[in-house]
Full PDB file with SEQRES, HELIX, SHEET, SSBOND, CRYST1, ORIGX, SCALE, CONECT and MASTER records, all heavy atoms in Angstrom:
SEQRES   1 A   32  MET ASP VAL SER ALA SER PRO ASP ALA ARG MET VAL GLY          
SEQRES   2 A   32  LEU ARG LEU TRP VAL THR GLY LEU GLN TYR SER SER THR          
SEQRES   3 A   32  ALA THR ALA TRP ARG ILE                                      
HELIX    1 AA1 ALA A    9  MET A   11  5                                   3    
CRYST1    1.000    1.000    1.000  90.00  90.00  90.00 P 1           1          
ORIGX1      1.000000  0.000000  0.000000        0.00000                         
ORIGX2      0.000000  1.000000  0.000000        0.00000                         
ORIGX3      0.000000  0.000000  1.000000        0.00000                         
SCALE1      1.000000  0.000000  0.000000        0.00000                         
SCALE2      0.000000  1.000000  0.000000        0.00000                         
SCALE3      0.000000  0.000000  1.000000        0.00000                         
ATOM      1  N   MET A   1    -156.971 -27.111  55.194  1.00  0.00           N  
ATOM      2  CA  MET A   1    -157.666 -28.200  55.862  1.00  0.00           C  
ATOM      3  C   MET A   1    -158.505 -28.916  54.817  1.00  0.00           C  
ATOM      4  O   MET A   1    -159.227 -28.284  54.046  1.00  0.00           O  
ATOM      5  CB  MET A   1    -158.572 -27.617  56.955  1.00  0.00           C  
ATOM      6  CG  MET A   1    -159.247 -28.606  57.832  1.00  0.00           C  
ATOM      7  SD  MET A   1    -160.258 -27.773  59.100  1.00  0.00           S  
ATOM      8  CE  MET A   1    -159.021 -26.925  60.071  1.00  0.00           C  
ATOM      9  N   ASP A   2    -158.389 -30.233  54.770  1.00  0.00           N  
ATOM     10  CA  ASP A   2    -159.186 -31.049  53.861  1.00  0.00           C  
ATOM     11  C   ASP A   2    -160.071 -31.968  54.673  1.00  0.00           C  
ATOM     12  O   ASP A   2    -159.616 -32.604  55.628  1.00  0.00           O  
ATOM     13  CB  ASP A   2    -158.290 -31.889  52.944  1.00  0.00           C  
ATOM     14  CG  ASP A   2    -157.516 -31.055  51.943  1.00  0.00           C  
ATOM     15  OD1 ASP A   2    -158.027 -29.998  51.544  1.00  0.00           O  
ATOM     16  OD2 ASP A   2    -156.416 -31.477  51.548  1.00  0.00           O  
ATOM     17  N   VAL A   3    -161.340 -32.058  54.289  1.00  0.00           N  
ATOM     18  CA  VAL A   3    -162.282 -32.983  54.923  1.00  0.00           C  
ATOM     19  C   VAL A   3    -162.178 -34.304  54.166  1.00  0.00           C  
ATOM     20  O   VAL A   3    -162.467 -34.365  52.979  1.00  0.00           O  
ATOM     21  CB  VAL A   3    -163.731 -32.444  54.895  1.00  0.00           C  
ATOM     22  CG1 VAL A   3    -164.693 -33.438  55.511  1.00  0.00           C  
ATOM     23  CG2 VAL A   3    -163.808 -31.090  55.602  1.00  0.00           C  
ATOM     24  N   SER A   4    -161.764 -35.364  54.855  1.00  0.00           N  
ATOM     25  CA  SER A   4    -161.568 -36.659  54.195  1.00  0.00           C  
ATOM     26  C   SER A   4    -162.691 -37.640  54.462  1.00  0.00           C  
ATOM     27  O   SER A   4    -162.860 -38.601  53.713  1.00  0.00           O  
ATOM     28  CB  SER A   4    -160.232 -37.276  54.609  1.00  0.00           C  
ATOM     29  OG  SER A   4    -160.184 -37.439  56.012  1.00  0.00           O  
ATOM     30  N   ALA A   5    -163.481 -37.406  55.516  1.00  0.00           N  
ATOM     31  CA  ALA A   5    -164.610 -38.294  55.817  1.00  0.00           C  
ATOM     32  C   ALA A   5    -165.676 -37.507  56.570  1.00  0.00           C  
ATOM     33  O   ALA A   5    -165.361 -36.623  57.362  1.00  0.00           O  
ATOM     34  CB  ALA A   5    -164.168 -39.484  56.661  1.00  0.00           C  
ATOM     35  N   SER A   6    -166.943 -37.839  56.284  1.00  0.00           N  
ATOM     36  CA  SER A   6    -168.061 -37.176  56.951  1.00  0.00           C  
ATOM     37  C   SER A   6    -169.323 -37.994  56.714  1.00  0.00           C  
ATOM     38  O   SER A   6    -169.478 -38.604  55.647  1.00  0.00           O  
ATOM     39  CB  SER A   6    -168.263 -35.771  56.373  1.00  0.00           C  
ATOM     40  OG  SER A   6    -169.438 -35.185  56.896  1.00  0.00           O  
ATOM     41  N   PRO A   7    -170.235 -38.002  57.694  1.00  0.00           N  
ATOM     42  CA  PRO A   7    -171.533 -38.637  57.442  1.00  0.00           C  
ATOM     43  C   PRO A   7    -172.294 -37.927  56.320  1.00  0.00           C  
ATOM     44  O   PRO A   7    -173.155 -38.523  55.686  1.00  0.00           O  
ATOM     45  CB  PRO A   7    -172.272 -38.491  58.765  1.00  0.00           C  
ATOM     46  CG  PRO A   7    -171.214 -38.304  59.797  1.00  0.00           C  
ATOM     47  CD  PRO A   7    -170.097 -37.580  59.082  1.00  0.00           C  
ATOM     48  N   ASP A   8    -171.976 -36.661  56.059  1.00  0.00           N  
ATOM     49  CA  ASP A   8    -172.560 -35.906  54.965  1.00  0.00           C  
ATOM     50  C   ASP A   8    -171.594 -36.003  53.773  1.00  0.00           C  
ATOM     51  O   ASP A   8    -170.571 -35.309  53.735  1.00  0.00           O  
ATOM     52  CB  ASP A   8    -172.779 -34.450  55.362  1.00  0.00           C  
ATOM     53  CG  ASP A   8    -173.456 -33.620  54.294  1.00  0.00           C  
ATOM     54  OD1 ASP A   8    -173.537 -34.079  53.127  1.00  0.00           O  
ATOM     55  OD2 ASP A   8    -173.891 -32.507  54.607  1.00  0.00           O  
ATOM     56  N   ALA A   9    -171.886 -36.878  52.825  1.00  0.00           N  
ATOM     57  CA  ALA A   9    -170.978 -37.146  51.705  1.00  0.00           C  
ATOM     58  C   ALA A   9    -170.641 -35.893  50.909  1.00  0.00           C  
ATOM     59  O   ALA A   9    -169.587 -35.820  50.260  1.00  0.00           O  
ATOM     60  CB  ALA A   9    -171.583 -38.198  50.778  1.00  0.00           C  
ATOM     61  N   ARG A  10    -171.480 -34.853  50.959  1.00  0.00           N  
ATOM     62  CA  ARG A  10    -171.210 -33.619  50.214  1.00  0.00           C  
ATOM     63  C   ARG A  10    -170.016 -32.856  50.776  1.00  0.00           C  
ATOM     64  O   ARG A  10    -169.437 -32.014  50.096  1.00  0.00           O  
ATOM     65  CB  ARG A  10    -172.448 -32.716  50.234  1.00  0.00           C  
ATOM     66  CG  ARG A  10    -173.641 -33.331  49.529  1.00  0.00           C  
ATOM     67  CD  ARG A  10    -174.883 -32.574  49.820  1.00  0.00           C  
ATOM     68  NE  ARG A  10    -175.207 -32.741  51.249  1.00  0.00           N  
ATOM     69  CZ  ARG A  10    -176.324 -32.321  51.811  1.00  0.00           C  
ATOM     70  NH1 ARG A  10    -177.218 -31.676  51.086  1.00  0.00           N  
ATOM     71  NH2 ARG A  10    -176.549 -32.513  53.086  1.00  0.00           N  
ATOM     72  N   MET A  11    -169.622 -33.157  52.017  1.00  0.00           N  
ATOM     73  CA  MET A  11    -168.501 -32.457  52.629  1.00  0.00           C  
ATOM     74  C   MET A  11    -167.151 -33.108  52.311  1.00  0.00           C  
ATOM     75  O   MET A  11    -166.117 -32.466  52.430  1.00  0.00           O  
ATOM     76  CB  MET A  11    -168.698 -32.385  54.136  1.00  0.00           C  
ATOM     77  CG  MET A  11    -169.856 -31.499  54.543  1.00  0.00           C  
ATOM     78  SD  MET A  11    -170.042 -31.390  56.304  1.00  0.00           S  
ATOM     79  CE  MET A  11    -168.621 -30.413  56.725  1.00  0.00           C  
ATOM     80  N   VAL A  12    -167.174 -34.374  51.913  1.00  0.00           N  
ATOM     81  CA  VAL A  12    -165.926 -35.087  51.633  1.00  0.00           C  
ATOM     82  C   VAL A  12    -165.228 -34.417  50.441  1.00  0.00           C  
ATOM     83  O   VAL A  12    -165.837 -34.167  49.414  1.00  0.00           O  
ATOM     84  CB  VAL A  12    -166.190 -36.577  51.358  1.00  0.00           C  
ATOM     85  CG1 VAL A  12    -164.903 -37.291  50.960  1.00  0.00           C  
ATOM     86  CG2 VAL A  12    -166.815 -37.232  52.579  1.00  0.00           C  
ATOM     87  N   GLY A  13    -163.967 -34.100  50.622  1.00  0.00           N  
ATOM     88  CA  GLY A  13    -163.197 -33.422  49.588  1.00  0.00           C  
ATOM     89  C   GLY A  13    -163.202 -31.909  49.729  1.00  0.00           C  
ATOM     90  O   GLY A  13    -162.519 -31.220  48.977  1.00  0.00           O  
ATOM     91  N   LEU A  14    -163.932 -31.383  50.698  1.00  0.00           N  
ATOM     92  CA  LEU A  14    -163.985 -29.944  50.912  1.00  0.00           C  
ATOM     93  C   LEU A  14    -162.618 -29.428  51.343  1.00  0.00           C  
ATOM     94  O   LEU A  14    -162.005 -29.973  52.254  1.00  0.00           O  
ATOM     95  CB  LEU A  14    -165.034 -29.623  51.990  1.00  0.00           C  
ATOM     96  CG  LEU A  14    -165.348 -28.169  52.279  1.00  0.00           C  
ATOM     97  CD1 LEU A  14    -165.962 -27.494  51.050  1.00  0.00           C  
ATOM     98  CD2 LEU A  14    -166.323 -28.087  53.455  1.00  0.00           C  
ATOM     99  N   ARG A  15    -162.109 -28.415  50.673  1.00  0.00           N  
ATOM    100  CA  ARG A  15    -160.845 -27.786  51.048  1.00  0.00           C  
ATOM    101  C   ARG A  15    -161.155 -26.449  51.686  1.00  0.00           C  
ATOM    102  O   ARG A  15    -161.904 -25.645  51.137  1.00  0.00           O  
ATOM    103  CB  ARG A  15    -159.951 -27.592  49.837  1.00  0.00           C  
ATOM    104  CG  ARG A  15    -158.735 -26.738  50.194  1.00  0.00           C  
ATOM    105  CD  ARG A  15    -157.585 -26.922  49.303  1.00  0.00           C  
ATOM    106  NE  ARG A  15    -157.013 -28.253  49.507  1.00  0.00           N  
ATOM    107  CZ  ARG A  15    -156.122 -28.796  48.709  1.00  0.00           C  
ATOM    108  NH1 ARG A  15    -155.708 -28.149  47.651  1.00  0.00           N  
ATOM    109  NH2 ARG A  15    -155.618 -29.986  48.952  1.00  0.00           N  
ATOM    110  N   LEU A  16    -160.565 -26.207  52.857  1.00  0.00           N  
ATOM    111  CA  LEU A  16    -160.820 -25.003  53.636  1.00  0.00           C  
ATOM    112  C   LEU A  16    -159.499 -24.309  53.962  1.00  0.00           C  
ATOM    113  O   LEU A  16    -158.491 -24.963  54.162  1.00  0.00           O  
ATOM    114  CB  LEU A  16    -161.556 -25.368  54.932  1.00  0.00           C  
ATOM    115  CG  LEU A  16    -162.868 -26.129  54.739  1.00  0.00           C  
ATOM    116  CD1 LEU A  16    -163.317 -26.756  56.051  1.00  0.00           C  
ATOM    117  CD2 LEU A  16    -163.928 -25.225  54.163  1.00  0.00           C  
ATOM    118  N   TRP A  17    -159.548 -22.965  54.044  1.00  0.00           N  
ATOM    119  CA  TRP A  17    -158.386 -22.152  54.363  1.00  0.00           C  
ATOM    120  C   TRP A  17    -158.567 -21.583  55.766  1.00  0.00           C  
ATOM    121  O   TRP A  17    -159.613 -21.000  56.078  1.00  0.00           O  
ATOM    122  CB  TRP A  17    -158.229 -21.003  53.372  1.00  0.00           C  
ATOM    123  CG  TRP A  17    -157.614 -21.401  52.079  1.00  0.00           C  
ATOM    124  CD1 TRP A  17    -156.330 -21.148  51.681  1.00  0.00           C  
ATOM    125  CD2 TRP A  17    -158.229 -22.096  50.987  1.00  0.00           C  
ATOM    126  NE1 TRP A  17    -156.126 -21.650  50.430  1.00  0.00           N  
ATOM    127  CE2 TRP A  17    -157.264 -22.246  49.978  1.00  0.00           C  
ATOM    128  CE3 TRP A  17    -159.499 -22.634  50.766  1.00  0.00           C  
ATOM    129  CZ2 TRP A  17    -157.535 -22.884  48.779  1.00  0.00           C  
ATOM    130  CZ3 TRP A  17    -159.754 -23.279  49.571  1.00  0.00           C  
ATOM    131  CH2 TRP A  17    -158.783 -23.388  48.597  1.00  0.00           C  
ATOM    132  N   VAL A  18    -157.554 -21.703  56.614  1.00  0.00           N  
ATOM    133  CA  VAL A  18    -157.606 -21.177  57.976  1.00  0.00           C  
ATOM    134  C   VAL A  18    -157.571 -19.662  57.923  1.00  0.00           C  
ATOM    135  O   VAL A  18    -156.715 -19.068  57.264  1.00  0.00           O  
ATOM    136  CB  VAL A  18    -156.427 -21.717  58.826  1.00  0.00           C  
ATOM    137  CG1 VAL A  18    -156.394 -21.045  60.203  1.00  0.00           C  
ATOM    138  CG2 VAL A  18    -156.522 -23.227  58.968  1.00  0.00           C  
ATOM    139  N   THR A  19    -158.555 -19.026  58.619  1.00  0.00           N  
ATOM    140  CA  THR A  19    -158.606 -17.571  58.673  1.00  0.00           C  
ATOM    141  C   THR A  19    -158.488 -17.030  60.091  1.00  0.00           C  
ATOM    142  O   THR A  19    -158.304 -15.834  60.284  1.00  0.00           O  
ATOM    143  CB  THR A  19    -159.921 -17.036  58.051  1.00  0.00           C  
ATOM    144  OG1 THR A  19    -161.029 -17.603  58.767  1.00  0.00           O  
ATOM    145  CG2 THR A  19    -159.998 -17.399  56.582  1.00  0.00           C  
ATOM    146  N   GLY A  20    -158.607 -17.898  61.108  1.00  0.00           N  
ATOM    147  CA  GLY A  20    -158.499 -17.444  62.493  1.00  0.00           C  
ATOM    148  C   GLY A  20    -158.475 -18.602  63.463  1.00  0.00           C  
ATOM    149  O   GLY A  20    -158.931 -19.698  63.158  1.00  0.00           O  
ATOM    150  N   LEU A  21    -157.950 -18.331  64.655  1.00  0.00           N  
ATOM    151  CA  LEU A  21    -157.842 -19.340  65.717  1.00  0.00           C  
ATOM    152  C   LEU A  21    -158.416 -18.776  67.003  1.00  0.00           C  
ATOM    153  O   LEU A  21    -158.326 -17.573  67.243  1.00  0.00           O  
ATOM    154  CB  LEU A  21    -156.377 -19.722  65.934  1.00  0.00           C  
ATOM    155  CG  LEU A  21    -155.666 -20.244  64.699  1.00  0.00           C  
ATOM    156  CD1 LEU A  21    -154.174 -20.028  64.815  1.00  0.00           C  
ATOM    157  CD2 LEU A  21    -155.981 -21.703  64.511  1.00  0.00           C  
ATOM    158  N   GLN A  22    -158.979 -19.637  67.821  1.00  0.00           N  
ATOM    159  CA  GLN A  22    -159.530 -19.217  69.105  1.00  0.00           C  
ATOM    160  C   GLN A  22    -158.947 -20.093  70.202  1.00  0.00           C  
ATOM    161  O   GLN A  22    -158.859 -21.307  70.042  1.00  0.00           O  
ATOM    162  CB  GLN A  22    -161.049 -19.344  69.103  1.00  0.00           C  
ATOM    163  CG  GLN A  22    -161.738 -18.526  68.033  1.00  0.00           C  
ATOM    164  CD  GLN A  22    -163.213 -18.819  67.957  1.00  0.00           C  
ATOM    165  OE1 GLN A  22    -163.811 -19.348  68.874  1.00  0.00           O  
ATOM    166  NE2 GLN A  22    -163.832 -18.489  66.829  1.00  0.00           N  
ATOM    167  N   TYR A  23    -158.580 -19.474  71.307  1.00  0.00           N  
ATOM    168  CA  TYR A  23    -158.057 -20.198  72.467  1.00  0.00           C  
ATOM    169  C   TYR A  23    -158.851 -19.789  73.698  1.00  0.00           C  
ATOM    170  O   TYR A  23    -159.218 -18.621  73.833  1.00  0.00           O  
ATOM    171  CB  TYR A  23    -156.575 -19.860  72.697  1.00  0.00           C  
ATOM    172  CG  TYR A  23    -155.697 -20.118  71.495  1.00  0.00           C  
ATOM    173  CD1 TYR A  23    -155.274 -19.077  70.686  1.00  0.00           C  
ATOM    174  CD2 TYR A  23    -155.306 -21.409  71.164  1.00  0.00           C  
ATOM    175  CE1 TYR A  23    -154.461 -19.303  69.581  1.00  0.00           C  
ATOM    176  CE2 TYR A  23    -154.509 -21.654  70.063  1.00  0.00           C  
ATOM    177  CZ  TYR A  23    -154.079 -20.596  69.289  1.00  0.00           C  
ATOM    178  OH  TYR A  23    -153.298 -20.833  68.194  1.00  0.00           O  
ATOM    179  N   SER A  24    -159.111 -20.744  74.582  1.00  0.00           N  
ATOM    180  CA  SER A  24    -159.803 -20.433  75.825  1.00  0.00           C  
ATOM    181  C   SER A  24    -159.670 -21.603  76.783  1.00  0.00           C  
ATOM    182  O   SER A  24    -159.881 -22.760  76.398  1.00  0.00           O  
ATOM    183  CB  SER A  24    -161.293 -20.160  75.565  1.00  0.00           C  
ATOM    184  OG  SER A  24    -161.995 -20.024  76.787  1.00  0.00           O  
ATOM    185  N   SER A  25    -159.363 -21.303  78.020  1.00  0.00           N  
ATOM    186  CA  SER A  25    -159.239 -22.370  79.028  1.00  0.00           C  
ATOM    187  C   SER A  25    -160.597 -22.913  79.448  1.00  0.00           C  
ATOM    188  O   SER A  25    -160.681 -23.962  80.071  1.00  0.00           O  
ATOM    189  CB  SER A  25    -158.482 -21.857  80.252  1.00  0.00           C  
ATOM    190  OG  SER A  25    -159.225 -20.836  80.889  1.00  0.00           O  
ATOM    191  N   THR A  26    -161.676 -22.206  79.105  1.00  0.00           N  
ATOM    192  CA  THR A  26    -163.012 -22.685  79.477  1.00  0.00           C  
ATOM    193  C   THR A  26    -163.824 -23.137  78.268  1.00  0.00           C  
ATOM    194  O   THR A  26    -165.028 -23.331  78.358  1.00  0.00           O  
ATOM    195  CB  THR A  26    -163.796 -21.581  80.228  1.00  0.00           C  
ATOM    196  OG1 THR A  26    -163.857 -20.422  79.412  1.00  0.00           O  
ATOM    197  CG2 THR A  26    -163.147 -21.263  81.559  1.00  0.00           C  
ATOM    198  N   ALA A  27    -163.165 -23.345  77.130  1.00  0.00           N  
ATOM    199  CA  ALA A  27    -163.857 -23.815  75.935  1.00  0.00           C  
ATOM    200  C   ALA A  27    -164.079 -25.323  76.025  1.00  0.00           C  
ATOM    201  O   ALA A  27    -163.372 -26.034  76.737  1.00  0.00           O  
ATOM    202  CB  ALA A  27    -163.048 -23.488  74.696  1.00  0.00           C  
ATOM    203  N   THR A  28    -165.037 -25.807  75.259  1.00  0.00           N  
ATOM    204  CA  THR A  28    -165.291 -27.241  75.203  1.00  0.00           C  
ATOM    205  C   THR A  28    -164.610 -27.893  74.005  1.00  0.00           C  
ATOM    206  O   THR A  28    -164.553 -29.114  73.915  1.00  0.00           O  
ATOM    207  CB  THR A  28    -166.800 -27.538  75.146  1.00  0.00           C  
ATOM    208  OG1 THR A  28    -167.353 -26.850  74.026  1.00  0.00           O  
ATOM    209  CG2 THR A  28    -167.477 -27.084  76.431  1.00  0.00           C  
ATOM    210  N   ALA A  29    -164.092 -27.073  73.064  1.00  0.00           N  
ATOM    211  CA  ALA A  29    -163.374 -27.566  71.900  1.00  0.00           C  
ATOM    212  C   ALA A  29    -162.415 -26.482  71.449  1.00  0.00           C  
ATOM    213  O   ALA A  29    -162.565 -25.307  71.793  1.00  0.00           O  
ATOM    214  CB  ALA A  29    -164.345 -27.915  70.774  1.00  0.00           C  
ATOM    215  N   TRP A  30    -161.431 -26.874  70.674  1.00  0.00           N  
ATOM    216  CA  TRP A  30    -160.500 -25.921  70.085  1.00  0.00           C  
ATOM    217  C   TRP A  30    -161.084 -25.507  68.757  1.00  0.00           C  
ATOM    218  O   TRP A  30    -161.236 -26.314  67.851  1.00  0.00           O  
ATOM    219  CB  TRP A  30    -159.147 -26.582  69.909  1.00  0.00           C  
ATOM    220  CG  TRP A  30    -158.079 -25.695  69.368  1.00  0.00           C  
ATOM    221  CD1 TRP A  30    -158.112 -24.313  69.287  1.00  0.00           C  
ATOM    222  CD2 TRP A  30    -156.826 -26.091  68.843  1.00  0.00           C  
ATOM    223  NE1 TRP A  30    -156.938 -23.847  68.750  1.00  0.00           N  
ATOM    224  CE2 TRP A  30    -156.120 -24.920  68.464  1.00  0.00           C  
ATOM    225  CE3 TRP A  30    -156.208 -27.320  68.660  1.00  0.00           C  
ATOM    226  CZ2 TRP A  30    -154.853 -24.958  67.900  1.00  0.00           C  
ATOM    227  CZ3 TRP A  30    -154.943 -27.347  68.107  1.00  0.00           C  
ATOM    228  CH2 TRP A  30    -154.272 -26.182  67.737  1.00  0.00           C  
ATOM    229  N   ARG A  31    -161.459 -24.244  68.608  1.00  0.00           N  
ATOM    230  CA  ARG A  31    -162.163 -23.784  67.419  1.00  0.00           C  
ATOM    231  C   ARG A  31    -161.243 -23.010  66.482  1.00  0.00           C  
ATOM    232  O   ARG A  31    -160.457 -22.168  66.921  1.00  0.00           O  
ATOM    233  CB  ARG A  31    -163.359 -22.948  67.816  1.00  0.00           C  
ATOM    234  CG  ARG A  31    -164.414 -23.839  68.490  1.00  0.00           C  
ATOM    235  CD  ARG A  31    -165.670 -23.101  68.904  1.00  0.00           C  
ATOM    236  NE  ARG A  31    -166.621 -24.015  69.479  1.00  0.00           N  
ATOM    237  CZ  ARG A  31    -166.626 -24.420  70.753  1.00  0.00           C  
ATOM    238  NH1 ARG A  31    -165.700 -23.972  71.574  1.00  0.00           N  
ATOM    239  NH2 ARG A  31    -167.537 -25.264  71.184  1.00  0.00           N  
ATOM    240  N   ILE A  32    -161.380 -23.331  65.215  1.00  0.00           N  
ATOM    241  CA  ILE A  32    -160.590 -22.708  64.161  1.00  0.00           C  
ATOM    242  C   ILE A  32    -161.573 -22.177  63.118  1.00  0.00           C  
ATOM    243  O   ILE A  32    -162.468 -22.901  62.685  1.00  0.00           O  
ATOM    244  CB  ILE A  32    -159.621 -23.716  63.519  1.00  0.00           C  
ATOM    245  CG1 ILE A  32    -158.652 -24.262  64.593  1.00  0.00           C  
ATOM    246  CG2 ILE A  32    -158.853 -23.095  62.369  1.00  0.00           C  
ATOM    247  CD1 ILE A  32    -157.762 -25.395  64.099  1.00  0.00           C  
TER     248      ILE A  32                                                      
MASTER        0    0    0    1    0    0    0    6  247    1    0    3          
END                                                                             
């Protein structure tokens, strides 16, 4: 996952590796 835009300029260009996924029918967002 690459962050391409953010109000926090320090996050732009951040590369992240997926380590887990969460699923729930009562969640407010899909969390990774």
